[in-house]
mmCIF file of all heavy atoms, coordinates in Angstrom:
data_MODEL
# 
_entry.id   MODEL 
# 
loop_
_atom_site.group_PDB 
_atom_site.id 
_atom_site.type_symbol 
_atom_site.label_atom_id 
_atom_site.label_alt_id 
_atom_site.label_comp_id 
_atom_site.label_asym_id 
_atom_site.label_entity_id 
_atom_site.label_seq_id 
_atom_site.pdbx_PDB_ins_code 
_atom_site.Cartn_x 
_atom_site.Cartn_y 
_atom_site.Cartn_z 
_atom_site.occupancy 
_atom_site.B_iso_or_equiv 
_atom_site.pdbx_formal_charge 
_atom_site.auth_seq_id 
_atom_site.auth_comp_id 
_atom_site.auth_asym_id 
_atom_site.auth_atom_id 
_atom_site.pdbx_PDB_model_num 
ATOM 1   N N   . ALA A 1 1  ? 0.782  -1.210  0.035   1.00 0.00 ? 1  ALA A N   1 
ATOM 2   C CA  . ALA A 1 1  ? 0.005  0.015   -0.013  1.00 0.00 ? 1  ALA A CA  1 
ATOM 3   C C   . ALA A 1 1  ? 0.873  1.220   -0.030  1.00 0.00 ? 1  ALA A C   1 
ATOM 4   O O   . ALA A 1 1  ? 1.809  1.383   0.858   1.00 0.00 ? 1  ALA A O   1 
ATOM 5   C CB  . ALA A 1 1  ? -0.862 -0.034  1.232   1.00 0.00 ? 1  ALA A CB  1 
ATOM 6   N N   . ALA A 1 2  ? 0.560  2.226   -0.917  1.00 0.00 ? 2  ALA A N   1 
ATOM 7   C CA  . ALA A 1 2  ? 1.317  3.387   -1.115  1.00 0.00 ? 2  ALA A CA  1 
ATOM 8   C C   . ALA A 1 2  ? 0.547  4.545   -0.614  1.00 0.00 ? 2  ALA A C   1 
ATOM 9   O O   . ALA A 1 2  ? -0.599 4.642   -0.862  1.00 0.00 ? 2  ALA A O   1 
ATOM 10  C CB  . ALA A 1 2  ? 1.912  3.617   -2.544  1.00 0.00 ? 2  ALA A CB  1 
ATOM 11  N N   . SER A 1 3  ? 1.239  5.529   -0.057  1.00 0.00 ? 3  SER A N   1 
ATOM 12  C CA  . SER A 1 3  ? 0.629  6.852   0.388   1.00 0.00 ? 3  SER A CA  1 
ATOM 13  C C   . SER A 1 3  ? 1.630  7.869   -0.138  1.00 0.00 ? 3  SER A C   1 
ATOM 14  O O   . SER A 1 3  ? 2.844  7.637   -0.223  1.00 0.00 ? 3  SER A O   1 
ATOM 15  C CB  . SER A 1 3  ? 0.255  6.854   1.838   1.00 0.00 ? 3  SER A CB  1 
ATOM 16  O OG  . SER A 1 3  ? 1.449  6.719   2.621   1.00 0.00 ? 3  SER A OG  1 
ATOM 17  N N   . GLY A 1 4  ? 1.188  9.104   -0.136  1.00 0.00 ? 4  GLY A N   1 
ATOM 18  C CA  . GLY A 1 4  ? 1.995  10.159  -0.503  1.00 0.00 ? 4  GLY A CA  1 
ATOM 19  C C   . GLY A 1 4  ? 1.824  10.645  -1.803  1.00 0.00 ? 4  GLY A C   1 
ATOM 20  O O   . GLY A 1 4  ? 0.634  10.898  -2.273  1.00 0.00 ? 4  GLY A O   1 
ATOM 21  N N   . ARG A 1 5  ? 2.816  10.827  -2.597  1.00 0.00 ? 5  ARG A N   1 
ATOM 22  C CA  . ARG A 1 5  ? 2.782  11.288  -3.983  1.00 0.00 ? 5  ARG A CA  1 
ATOM 23  C C   . ARG A 1 5  ? 1.955  10.347  -4.891  1.00 0.00 ? 5  ARG A C   1 
ATOM 24  O O   . ARG A 1 5  ? 1.728  9.152   -4.517  1.00 0.00 ? 5  ARG A O   1 
ATOM 25  C CB  . ARG A 1 5  ? 4.084  11.633  -4.565  1.00 0.00 ? 5  ARG A CB  1 
ATOM 26  C CG  . ARG A 1 5  ? 4.865  12.757  -3.884  1.00 0.00 ? 5  ARG A CG  1 
ATOM 27  C CD  . ARG A 1 5  ? 5.057  13.846  -4.621  1.00 0.00 ? 5  ARG A CD  1 
ATOM 28  N NE  . ARG A 1 5  ? 5.752  14.980  -3.978  1.00 0.00 ? 5  ARG A NE  1 
ATOM 29  C CZ  . ARG A 1 5  ? 6.762  15.601  -4.348  1.00 0.00 ? 5  ARG A CZ  1 
ATOM 30  N NH1 . ARG A 1 5  ? 7.392  15.195  -5.555  1.00 0.00 ? 5  ARG A NH1 1 
ATOM 31  N NH2 . ARG A 1 5  ? 7.370  16.596  -3.777  1.00 0.00 ? 5  ARG A NH2 1 
ATOM 32  N N   . THR A 1 6  ? 1.536  10.732  -6.040  1.00 0.00 ? 6  THR A N   1 
ATOM 33  C CA  . THR A 1 6  ? 0.765  10.103  -6.904  1.00 0.00 ? 6  THR A CA  1 
ATOM 34  C C   . THR A 1 6  ? 1.418  8.642   -7.332  1.00 0.00 ? 6  THR A C   1 
ATOM 35  O O   . THR A 1 6  ? 2.445  8.575   -7.943  1.00 0.00 ? 6  THR A O   1 
ATOM 36  C CB  . THR A 1 6  ? 0.527  10.731  -8.286  1.00 0.00 ? 6  THR A CB  1 
ATOM 37  O OG1 . THR A 1 6  ? 0.001  11.996  -7.835  1.00 0.00 ? 6  THR A OG1 1 
ATOM 38  C CG2 . THR A 1 6  ? -0.426 10.107  -9.113  1.00 0.00 ? 6  THR A CG2 1 
ATOM 39  N N   . PHE A 1 7  ? 0.669  7.621   -6.875  1.00 0.00 ? 7  PHE A N   1 
ATOM 40  C CA  . PHE A 1 7  ? 1.222  6.242   -6.988  1.00 0.00 ? 7  PHE A CA  1 
ATOM 41  C C   . PHE A 1 7  ? 1.428  5.855   -8.423  1.00 0.00 ? 7  PHE A C   1 
ATOM 42  O O   . PHE A 1 7  ? 2.351  5.263   -8.782  1.00 0.00 ? 7  PHE A O   1 
ATOM 43  C CB  . PHE A 1 7  ? 0.237  5.294   -6.246  1.00 0.00 ? 7  PHE A CB  1 
ATOM 44  C CG  . PHE A 1 7  ? 0.513  3.905   -6.556  1.00 0.00 ? 7  PHE A CG  1 
ATOM 45  C CD1 . PHE A 1 7  ? 1.562  3.299   -5.744  1.00 0.00 ? 7  PHE A CD1 1 
ATOM 46  C CD2 . PHE A 1 7  ? -0.317 3.048   -7.299  1.00 0.00 ? 7  PHE A CD2 1 
ATOM 47  C CE1 . PHE A 1 7  ? 1.909  1.986   -5.943  1.00 0.00 ? 7  PHE A CE1 1 
ATOM 48  C CE2 . PHE A 1 7  ? -0.006 1.645   -7.391  1.00 0.00 ? 7  PHE A CE2 1 
ATOM 49  C CZ  . PHE A 1 7  ? 1.072  1.158   -6.744  1.00 0.00 ? 7  PHE A CZ  1 
ATOM 50  N N   . SER A 1 8  ? 0.574  6.379   -9.261  1.00 0.00 ? 8  SER A N   1 
ATOM 51  C CA  . SER A 1 8  ? 0.543  6.013   -10.809 1.00 0.00 ? 8  SER A CA  1 
ATOM 52  C C   . SER A 1 8  ? 1.779  6.584   -11.444 1.00 0.00 ? 8  SER A C   1 
ATOM 53  O O   . SER A 1 8  ? 2.010  6.201   -12.555 1.00 0.00 ? 8  SER A O   1 
ATOM 54  C CB  . SER A 1 8  ? -0.661 6.314   -11.508 1.00 0.00 ? 8  SER A CB  1 
ATOM 55  O OG  . SER A 1 8  ? -0.886 7.690   -11.269 1.00 0.00 ? 8  SER A OG  1 
ATOM 56  N N   . ARG A 1 9  ? 2.521  7.393   -10.746 1.00 0.00 ? 9  ARG A N   1 
ATOM 57  C CA  . ARG A 1 9  ? 3.816  7.997   -11.487 1.00 0.00 ? 9  ARG A CA  1 
ATOM 58  C C   . ARG A 1 9  ? 4.902  7.089   -11.317 1.00 0.00 ? 9  ARG A C   1 
ATOM 59  O O   . ARG A 1 9  ? 5.981  7.294   -11.994 1.00 0.00 ? 9  ARG A O   1 
ATOM 60  C CB  . ARG A 1 9  ? 4.126  9.357   -10.840 1.00 0.00 ? 9  ARG A CB  1 
ATOM 61  C CG  . ARG A 1 9  ? 3.128  10.341  -11.035 1.00 0.00 ? 9  ARG A CG  1 
ATOM 62  C CD  . ARG A 1 9  ? 3.617  11.633  -10.356 1.00 0.00 ? 9  ARG A CD  1 
ATOM 63  N NE  . ARG A 1 9  ? 4.975  12.036  -10.818 1.00 0.00 ? 9  ARG A NE  1 
ATOM 64  C CZ  . ARG A 1 9  ? 5.716  12.819  -10.202 1.00 0.00 ? 9  ARG A CZ  1 
ATOM 65  N NH1 . ARG A 1 9  ? 5.340  13.558  -9.132  1.00 0.00 ? 9  ARG A NH1 1 
ATOM 66  N NH2 . ARG A 1 9  ? 7.002  13.212  -10.660 1.00 0.00 ? 9  ARG A NH2 1 
ATOM 67  N N   . TYR A 1 10 ? 4.870  6.057   -10.541 1.00 0.00 ? 10 TYR A N   1 
ATOM 68  C CA  . TYR A 1 10 ? 5.976  5.230   -10.140 1.00 0.00 ? 10 TYR A CA  1 
ATOM 69  C C   . TYR A 1 10 ? 5.908  3.787   -10.691 1.00 0.00 ? 10 TYR A C   1 
ATOM 70  O O   . TYR A 1 10 ? 4.842  3.133   -10.711 1.00 0.00 ? 10 TYR A O   1 
ATOM 71  C CB  . TYR A 1 10 ? 6.124  5.090   -8.609  1.00 0.00 ? 10 TYR A CB  1 
ATOM 72  C CG  . TYR A 1 10 ? 6.382  6.417   -7.944  1.00 0.00 ? 10 TYR A CG  1 
ATOM 73  C CD1 . TYR A 1 10 ? 5.328  7.312   -7.583  1.00 0.00 ? 10 TYR A CD1 1 
ATOM 74  C CD2 . TYR A 1 10 ? 7.656  6.743   -7.643  1.00 0.00 ? 10 TYR A CD2 1 
ATOM 75  C CE1 . TYR A 1 10 ? 5.583  8.484   -6.973  1.00 0.00 ? 10 TYR A CE1 1 
ATOM 76  C CE2 . TYR A 1 10 ? 7.995  7.957   -6.922  1.00 0.00 ? 10 TYR A CE2 1 
ATOM 77  C CZ  . TYR A 1 10 ? 6.825  8.736   -6.688  1.00 0.00 ? 10 TYR A CZ  1 
ATOM 78  O OH  . TYR A 1 10 ? 7.207  9.991   -6.088  1.00 0.00 ? 10 TYR A OH  1 
ATOM 79  N N   . GLY A 1 11 ? 7.048  3.341   -11.188 1.00 0.00 ? 11 GLY A N   1 
ATOM 80  C CA  . GLY A 1 11 ? 7.264  1.920   -11.418 1.00 0.00 ? 11 GLY A CA  1 
ATOM 81  C C   . GLY A 1 11 ? 7.401  1.245   -10.000 1.00 0.00 ? 11 GLY A C   1 
ATOM 82  O O   . GLY A 1 11 ? 7.956  1.870   -9.007  1.00 0.00 ? 11 GLY A O   1 
ATOM 83  N N   . MET A 1 12 ? 6.978  0.005   -10.000 1.00 0.00 ? 12 MET A N   1 
ATOM 84  C CA  . MET A 1 12 ? 7.058  -0.753  -8.739  1.00 0.00 ? 12 MET A CA  1 
ATOM 85  C C   . MET A 1 12 ? 7.805  -1.964  -8.963  1.00 0.00 ? 12 MET A C   1 
ATOM 86  O O   . MET A 1 12 ? 7.775  -2.610  -9.897  1.00 0.00 ? 12 MET A O   1 
ATOM 87  C CB  . MET A 1 12 ? 5.713  -1.142  -8.193  1.00 0.00 ? 12 MET A CB  1 
ATOM 88  C CG  . MET A 1 12 ? 4.794  0.046   -7.965  1.00 0.00 ? 12 MET A CG  1 
ATOM 89  S SD  . MET A 1 12 ? 5.366  1.204   -6.596  1.00 0.00 ? 12 MET A SD  1 
ATOM 90  C CE  . MET A 1 12 ? 5.304  0.014   -5.289  1.00 0.00 ? 12 MET A CE  1 
ATOM 91  N N   . GLY A 1 13 ? 8.475  -2.399  -7.843  1.00 0.00 ? 13 GLY A N   1 
ATOM 92  C CA  . GLY A 1 13 ? 9.321  -3.603  -7.894  1.00 0.00 ? 13 GLY A CA  1 
ATOM 93  C C   . GLY A 1 13 ? 9.048  -4.440  -6.559  1.00 0.00 ? 13 GLY A C   1 
ATOM 94  O O   . GLY A 1 13 ? 8.662  -3.712  -5.484  1.00 0.00 ? 13 GLY A O   1 
ATOM 95  N N   . TRP A 1 14 ? 9.300  -5.679  -6.527  1.00 0.00 ? 14 TRP A N   1 
ATOM 96  C CA  . TRP A 1 14 ? 9.467  -6.518  -5.295  1.00 0.00 ? 14 TRP A CA  1 
ATOM 97  C C   . TRP A 1 14 ? 10.820 -7.072  -5.334  1.00 0.00 ? 14 TRP A C   1 
ATOM 98  O O   . TRP A 1 14 ? 11.284 -7.550  -6.471  1.00 0.00 ? 14 TRP A O   1 
ATOM 99  C CB  . TRP A 1 14 ? 8.446  -7.601  -5.409  1.00 0.00 ? 14 TRP A CB  1 
ATOM 100 C CG  . TRP A 1 14 ? 7.036  -7.135  -5.081  1.00 0.00 ? 14 TRP A CG  1 
ATOM 101 C CD1 . TRP A 1 14 ? 6.109  -6.870  -6.033  1.00 0.00 ? 14 TRP A CD1 1 
ATOM 102 C CD2 . TRP A 1 14 ? 6.357  -7.032  -3.907  1.00 0.00 ? 14 TRP A CD2 1 
ATOM 103 N NE1 . TRP A 1 14 ? 4.852  -6.474  -5.339  1.00 0.00 ? 14 TRP A NE1 1 
ATOM 104 C CE2 . TRP A 1 14 ? 5.089  -6.639  -4.085  1.00 0.00 ? 14 TRP A CE2 1 
ATOM 105 C CE3 . TRP A 1 14 ? 6.891  -7.235  -2.561  1.00 0.00 ? 14 TRP A CE3 1 
ATOM 106 C CZ2 . TRP A 1 14 ? 4.259  -6.350  -3.037  1.00 0.00 ? 14 TRP A CZ2 1 
ATOM 107 C CZ3 . TRP A 1 14 ? 5.903  -6.917  -1.519  1.00 0.00 ? 14 TRP A CZ3 1 
ATOM 108 C CH2 . TRP A 1 14 ? 4.624  -6.559  -1.732  1.00 0.00 ? 14 TRP A CH2 1 
ATOM 109 N N   . PHE A 1 15 ? 11.406 -7.083  -4.151  1.00 0.00 ? 15 PHE A N   1 
ATOM 110 C CA  . PHE A 1 15 ? 12.756 -7.644  -3.882  1.00 0.00 ? 15 PHE A CA  1 
ATOM 111 C C   . PHE A 1 15 ? 12.656 -8.538  -2.794  1.00 0.00 ? 15 PHE A C   1 
ATOM 112 O O   . PHE A 1 15 ? 11.660 -8.549  -1.940  1.00 0.00 ? 15 PHE A O   1 
ATOM 113 C CB  . PHE A 1 15 ? 13.792 -6.602  -3.710  1.00 0.00 ? 15 PHE A CB  1 
ATOM 114 C CG  . PHE A 1 15 ? 14.115 -5.782  -4.811  1.00 0.00 ? 15 PHE A CG  1 
ATOM 115 C CD1 . PHE A 1 15 ? 13.245 -4.809  -5.283  1.00 0.00 ? 15 PHE A CD1 1 
ATOM 116 C CD2 . PHE A 1 15 ? 15.401 -5.858  -5.430  1.00 0.00 ? 15 PHE A CD2 1 
ATOM 117 C CE1 . PHE A 1 15 ? 13.584 -4.070  -6.341  1.00 0.00 ? 15 PHE A CE1 1 
ATOM 118 C CE2 . PHE A 1 15 ? 15.631 -5.236  -6.529  1.00 0.00 ? 15 PHE A CE2 1 
ATOM 119 C CZ  . PHE A 1 15 ? 14.793 -4.203  -7.119  1.00 0.00 ? 15 PHE A CZ  1 
ATOM 120 N N   . ARG A 1 16 ? 13.533 -9.406  -2.544  1.00 0.00 ? 16 ARG A N   1 
ATOM 121 C CA  . ARG A 1 16 ? 13.612 -10.243 -1.217  1.00 0.00 ? 16 ARG A CA  1 
ATOM 122 C C   . ARG A 1 16 ? 14.958 -10.523 -0.805  1.00 0.00 ? 16 ARG A C   1 
ATOM 123 O O   . ARG A 1 16 ? 15.977 -10.381 -1.441  1.00 0.00 ? 16 ARG A O   1 
ATOM 124 C CB  . ARG A 1 16 ? 13.031 -11.703 -1.613  1.00 0.00 ? 16 ARG A CB  1 
ATOM 125 C CG  . ARG A 1 16 ? 13.617 -12.514 -2.617  1.00 0.00 ? 16 ARG A CG  1 
ATOM 126 C CD  . ARG A 1 16 ? 12.909 -13.773 -2.898  1.00 0.00 ? 16 ARG A CD  1 
ATOM 127 N NE  . ARG A 1 16 ? 13.688 -14.604 -3.862  1.00 0.00 ? 16 ARG A NE  1 
ATOM 128 C CZ  . ARG A 1 16 ? 13.000 -15.768 -4.300  1.00 0.00 ? 16 ARG A CZ  1 
ATOM 129 N NH1 . ARG A 1 16 ? 11.764 -16.125 -3.998  1.00 0.00 ? 16 ARG A NH1 1 
ATOM 130 N NH2 . ARG A 1 16 ? 13.822 -16.542 -5.129  1.00 0.00 ? 16 ARG A NH2 1 
ATOM 131 N N   . GLN A 1 17 ? 15.126 -10.779 0.612   1.00 0.00 ? 17 GLN A N   1 
ATOM 132 C CA  . GLN A 1 17 ? 16.417 -11.000 1.176   1.00 0.00 ? 17 GLN A CA  1 
ATOM 133 C C   . GLN A 1 17 ? 16.220 -11.957 2.183   1.00 0.00 ? 17 GLN A C   1 
ATOM 134 O O   . GLN A 1 17 ? 15.460 -11.863 3.148   1.00 0.00 ? 17 GLN A O   1 
ATOM 135 C CB  . GLN A 1 17 ? 16.909 -9.691  1.773   1.00 0.00 ? 17 GLN A CB  1 
ATOM 136 C CG  . GLN A 1 17 ? 18.358 -9.681  2.313   1.00 0.00 ? 17 GLN A CG  1 
ATOM 137 C CD  . GLN A 1 17 ? 18.849 -8.385  2.810   1.00 0.00 ? 17 GLN A CD  1 
ATOM 138 O OE1 . GLN A 1 17 ? 18.050 -7.405  2.994   1.00 0.00 ? 17 GLN A OE1 1 
ATOM 139 N NE2 . GLN A 1 17 ? 20.140 -8.241  2.701   1.00 0.00 ? 17 GLN A NE2 1 
ATOM 140 N N   . SER A 1 18 ? 17.170 -13.047 2.015   1.00 0.00 ? 18 SER A N   1 
ATOM 141 C CA  . SER A 1 18 ? 17.242 -14.070 2.993   1.00 0.00 ? 18 SER A CA  1 
ATOM 142 C C   . SER A 1 18 ? 18.434 -13.915 3.889   1.00 0.00 ? 18 SER A C   1 
ATOM 143 O O   . SER A 1 18 ? 19.351 -13.307 3.365   1.00 0.00 ? 18 SER A O   1 
ATOM 144 C CB  . SER A 1 18 ? 17.062 -15.455 2.471   1.00 0.00 ? 18 SER A CB  1 
ATOM 145 O OG  . SER A 1 18 ? 17.989 -15.572 1.406   1.00 0.00 ? 18 SER A OG  1 
ATOM 146 N N   . PRO A 1 19 ? 18.579 -14.519 5.040   1.00 0.00 ? 19 PRO A N   1 
ATOM 147 C CA  . PRO A 1 19 ? 19.740 -14.412 5.890   1.00 0.00 ? 19 PRO A CA  1 
ATOM 148 C C   . PRO A 1 19 ? 21.065 -14.768 5.200   1.00 0.00 ? 19 PRO A C   1 
ATOM 149 O O   . PRO A 1 19 ? 21.205 -15.776 4.561   1.00 0.00 ? 19 PRO A O   1 
ATOM 150 C CB  . PRO A 1 19 ? 19.512 -15.355 7.146   1.00 0.00 ? 19 PRO A CB  1 
ATOM 151 C CG  . PRO A 1 19 ? 18.050 -15.326 7.071   1.00 0.00 ? 19 PRO A CG  1 
ATOM 152 C CD  . PRO A 1 19 ? 17.501 -15.354 5.752   1.00 0.00 ? 19 PRO A CD  1 
ATOM 153 N N   . GLY A 1 20 ? 21.872 -13.831 5.290   1.00 0.00 ? 20 GLY A N   1 
ATOM 154 C CA  . GLY A 1 20 ? 23.284 -14.007 4.692   1.00 0.00 ? 20 GLY A CA  1 
ATOM 155 C C   . GLY A 1 20 ? 23.436 -13.844 3.277   1.00 0.00 ? 20 GLY A C   1 
ATOM 156 O O   . GLY A 1 20 ? 24.500 -13.925 2.701   1.00 0.00 ? 20 GLY A O   1 
ATOM 157 N N   . LYS A 1 21 ? 22.337 -13.215 2.640   1.00 0.00 ? 21 LYS A N   1 
ATOM 158 C CA  . LYS A 1 21 ? 22.376 -12.970 1.200   1.00 0.00 ? 21 LYS A CA  1 
ATOM 159 C C   . LYS A 1 21 ? 22.019 -11.642 0.972   1.00 0.00 ? 21 LYS A C   1 
ATOM 160 O O   . LYS A 1 21 ? 21.377 -11.011 1.763   1.00 0.00 ? 21 LYS A O   1 
ATOM 161 C CB  . LYS A 1 21 ? 21.333 -13.933 0.469   1.00 0.00 ? 21 LYS A CB  1 
ATOM 162 C CG  . LYS A 1 21 ? 21.719 -15.510 0.551   1.00 0.00 ? 21 LYS A CG  1 
ATOM 163 C CD  . LYS A 1 21 ? 20.743 -16.187 -0.259  1.00 0.00 ? 21 LYS A CD  1 
ATOM 164 C CE  . LYS A 1 21 ? 20.991 -17.776 -0.260  1.00 0.00 ? 21 LYS A CE  1 
ATOM 165 N NZ  . LYS A 1 21 ? 20.221 -18.477 -1.124  1.00 0.00 ? 21 LYS A NZ  1 
ATOM 166 N N   . GLU A 1 22 ? 22.481 -11.086 -0.197  1.00 0.00 ? 22 GLU A N   1 
ATOM 167 C CA  . GLU A 1 22 ? 22.121 -9.782  -0.634  1.00 0.00 ? 22 GLU A CA  1 
ATOM 168 C C   . GLU A 1 22 ? 20.567 -9.799  -1.061  1.00 0.00 ? 22 GLU A C   1 
ATOM 169 O O   . GLU A 1 22 ? 20.037 -10.651 -1.515  1.00 0.00 ? 22 GLU A O   1 
ATOM 170 C CB  . GLU A 1 22 ? 22.867 -9.451  -1.848  1.00 0.00 ? 22 GLU A CB  1 
ATOM 171 C CG  . GLU A 1 22 ? 24.305 -9.170  -1.391  1.00 0.00 ? 22 GLU A CG  1 
ATOM 172 C CD  . GLU A 1 22 ? 25.163 -8.394  -2.515  1.00 0.00 ? 22 GLU A CD  1 
ATOM 173 O OE1 . GLU A 1 22 ? 24.654 -8.233  -3.595  1.00 0.00 ? 22 GLU A OE1 1 
ATOM 174 O OE2 . GLU A 1 22 ? 26.282 -8.154  -2.279  1.00 0.00 ? 22 GLU A OE2 1 
ATOM 175 N N   . ARG A 1 23 ? 19.964 -8.519  -0.987  1.00 0.00 ? 23 ARG A N   1 
ATOM 176 C CA  . ARG A 1 23 ? 18.635 -8.412  -1.489  1.00 0.00 ? 23 ARG A CA  1 
ATOM 177 C C   . ARG A 1 23 ? 18.621 -8.517  -3.020  1.00 0.00 ? 23 ARG A C   1 
ATOM 178 O O   . ARG A 1 23 ? 19.361 -7.975  -3.790  1.00 0.00 ? 23 ARG A O   1 
ATOM 179 C CB  . ARG A 1 23 ? 18.211 -6.947  -1.068  1.00 0.00 ? 23 ARG A CB  1 
ATOM 180 C CG  . ARG A 1 23 ? 16.745 -6.715  -1.182  1.00 0.00 ? 23 ARG A CG  1 
ATOM 181 C CD  . ARG A 1 23 ? 16.355 -5.365  -0.687  1.00 0.00 ? 23 ARG A CD  1 
ATOM 182 N NE  . ARG A 1 23 ? 16.642 -5.310  0.748   1.00 0.00 ? 23 ARG A NE  1 
ATOM 183 C CZ  . ARG A 1 23 ? 16.244 -4.376  1.540   1.00 0.00 ? 23 ARG A CZ  1 
ATOM 184 N NH1 . ARG A 1 23 ? 15.587 -3.304  0.960   1.00 0.00 ? 23 ARG A NH1 1 
ATOM 185 N NH2 . ARG A 1 23 ? 16.518 -4.291  2.754   1.00 0.00 ? 23 ARG A NH2 1 
ATOM 186 N N   . GLU A 1 24 ? 17.717 -9.335  -3.480  1.00 0.00 ? 24 GLU A N   1 
ATOM 187 C CA  . GLU A 1 24 ? 17.678 -9.747  -4.847  1.00 0.00 ? 24 GLU A CA  1 
ATOM 188 C C   . GLU A 1 24 ? 16.277 -9.304  -5.465  1.00 0.00 ? 24 GLU A C   1 
ATOM 189 O O   . GLU A 1 24 ? 15.217 -9.278  -4.881  1.00 0.00 ? 24 GLU A O   1 
ATOM 190 C CB  . GLU A 1 24 ? 17.907 -11.194 -5.086  1.00 0.00 ? 24 GLU A CB  1 
ATOM 191 C CG  . GLU A 1 24 ? 16.780 -12.069 -4.493  1.00 0.00 ? 24 GLU A CG  1 
ATOM 192 C CD  . GLU A 1 24 ? 17.052 -13.565 -4.728  1.00 0.00 ? 24 GLU A CD  1 
ATOM 193 O OE1 . GLU A 1 24 ? 18.086 -13.916 -5.475  1.00 0.00 ? 24 GLU A OE1 1 
ATOM 194 O OE2 . GLU A 1 24 ? 16.054 -14.467 -4.353  1.00 0.00 ? 24 GLU A OE2 1 
ATOM 195 N N   . PHE A 1 25 ? 16.389 -9.067  -6.705  1.00 0.00 ? 25 PHE A N   1 
ATOM 196 C CA  . PHE A 1 25 ? 15.252 -8.622  -7.522  1.00 0.00 ? 25 PHE A CA  1 
ATOM 197 C C   . PHE A 1 25 ? 14.356 -9.864  -7.697  1.00 0.00 ? 25 PHE A C   1 
ATOM 198 O O   . PHE A 1 25 ? 14.666 -10.938 -7.910  1.00 0.00 ? 25 PHE A O   1 
ATOM 199 C CB  . PHE A 1 25 ? 15.727 -8.125  -8.894  1.00 0.00 ? 25 PHE A CB  1 
ATOM 200 C CG  . PHE A 1 25 ? 14.475 -7.950  -9.820  1.00 0.00 ? 25 PHE A CG  1 
ATOM 201 C CD1 . PHE A 1 25 ? 13.690 -6.937  -9.848  1.00 0.00 ? 25 PHE A CD1 1 
ATOM 202 C CD2 . PHE A 1 25 ? 14.319 -8.886  -10.824 1.00 0.00 ? 25 PHE A CD2 1 
ATOM 203 C CE1 . PHE A 1 25 ? 12.701 -6.674  -10.754 1.00 0.00 ? 25 PHE A CE1 1 
ATOM 204 C CE2 . PHE A 1 25 ? 13.253 -8.768  -11.822 1.00 0.00 ? 25 PHE A CE2 1 
ATOM 205 C CZ  . PHE A 1 25 ? 12.371 -7.738  -11.712 1.00 0.00 ? 25 PHE A CZ  1 
ATOM 206 N N   . VAL A 1 26 ? 12.939 -9.591  -7.610  1.00 0.00 ? 26 VAL A N   1 
ATOM 207 C CA  . VAL A 1 26 ? 11.943 -10.653 -7.861  1.00 0.00 ? 26 VAL A CA  1 
ATOM 208 C C   . VAL A 1 26 ? 11.073 -10.326 -9.044  1.00 0.00 ? 26 VAL A C   1 
ATOM 209 O O   . VAL A 1 26 ? 10.974 -11.109 -9.971  1.00 0.00 ? 26 VAL A O   1 
ATOM 210 C CB  . VAL A 1 26 ? 10.971 -10.821 -6.528  1.00 0.00 ? 26 VAL A CB  1 
ATOM 211 C CG1 . VAL A 1 26 ? 9.920  -11.737 -6.785  1.00 0.00 ? 26 VAL A CG1 1 
ATOM 212 C CG2 . VAL A 1 26 ? 11.922 -11.260 -5.423  1.00 0.00 ? 26 VAL A CG2 1 
ATOM 213 N N   . ALA A 1 27 ? 10.530 -9.043  -8.997  1.00 0.00 ? 27 ALA A N   1 
ATOM 214 C CA  . ALA A 1 27 ? 9.579  -8.729  -10.004 1.00 0.00 ? 27 ALA A CA  1 
ATOM 215 C C   . ALA A 1 27 ? 9.384  -7.272  -10.124 1.00 0.00 ? 27 ALA A C   1 
ATOM 216 O O   . ALA A 1 27 ? 9.641  -6.547  -9.179  1.00 0.00 ? 27 ALA A O   1 
ATOM 217 C CB  . ALA A 1 27 ? 8.151  -9.373  -9.881  1.00 0.00 ? 27 ALA A CB  1 
# 
């Protein structure tokens, strides 16, 4: 859920991070 400036102006992404690993791109 986004609040603040106009949400539709932004591209969105999902990332994930597991212990001991770098944050990685998902979608």
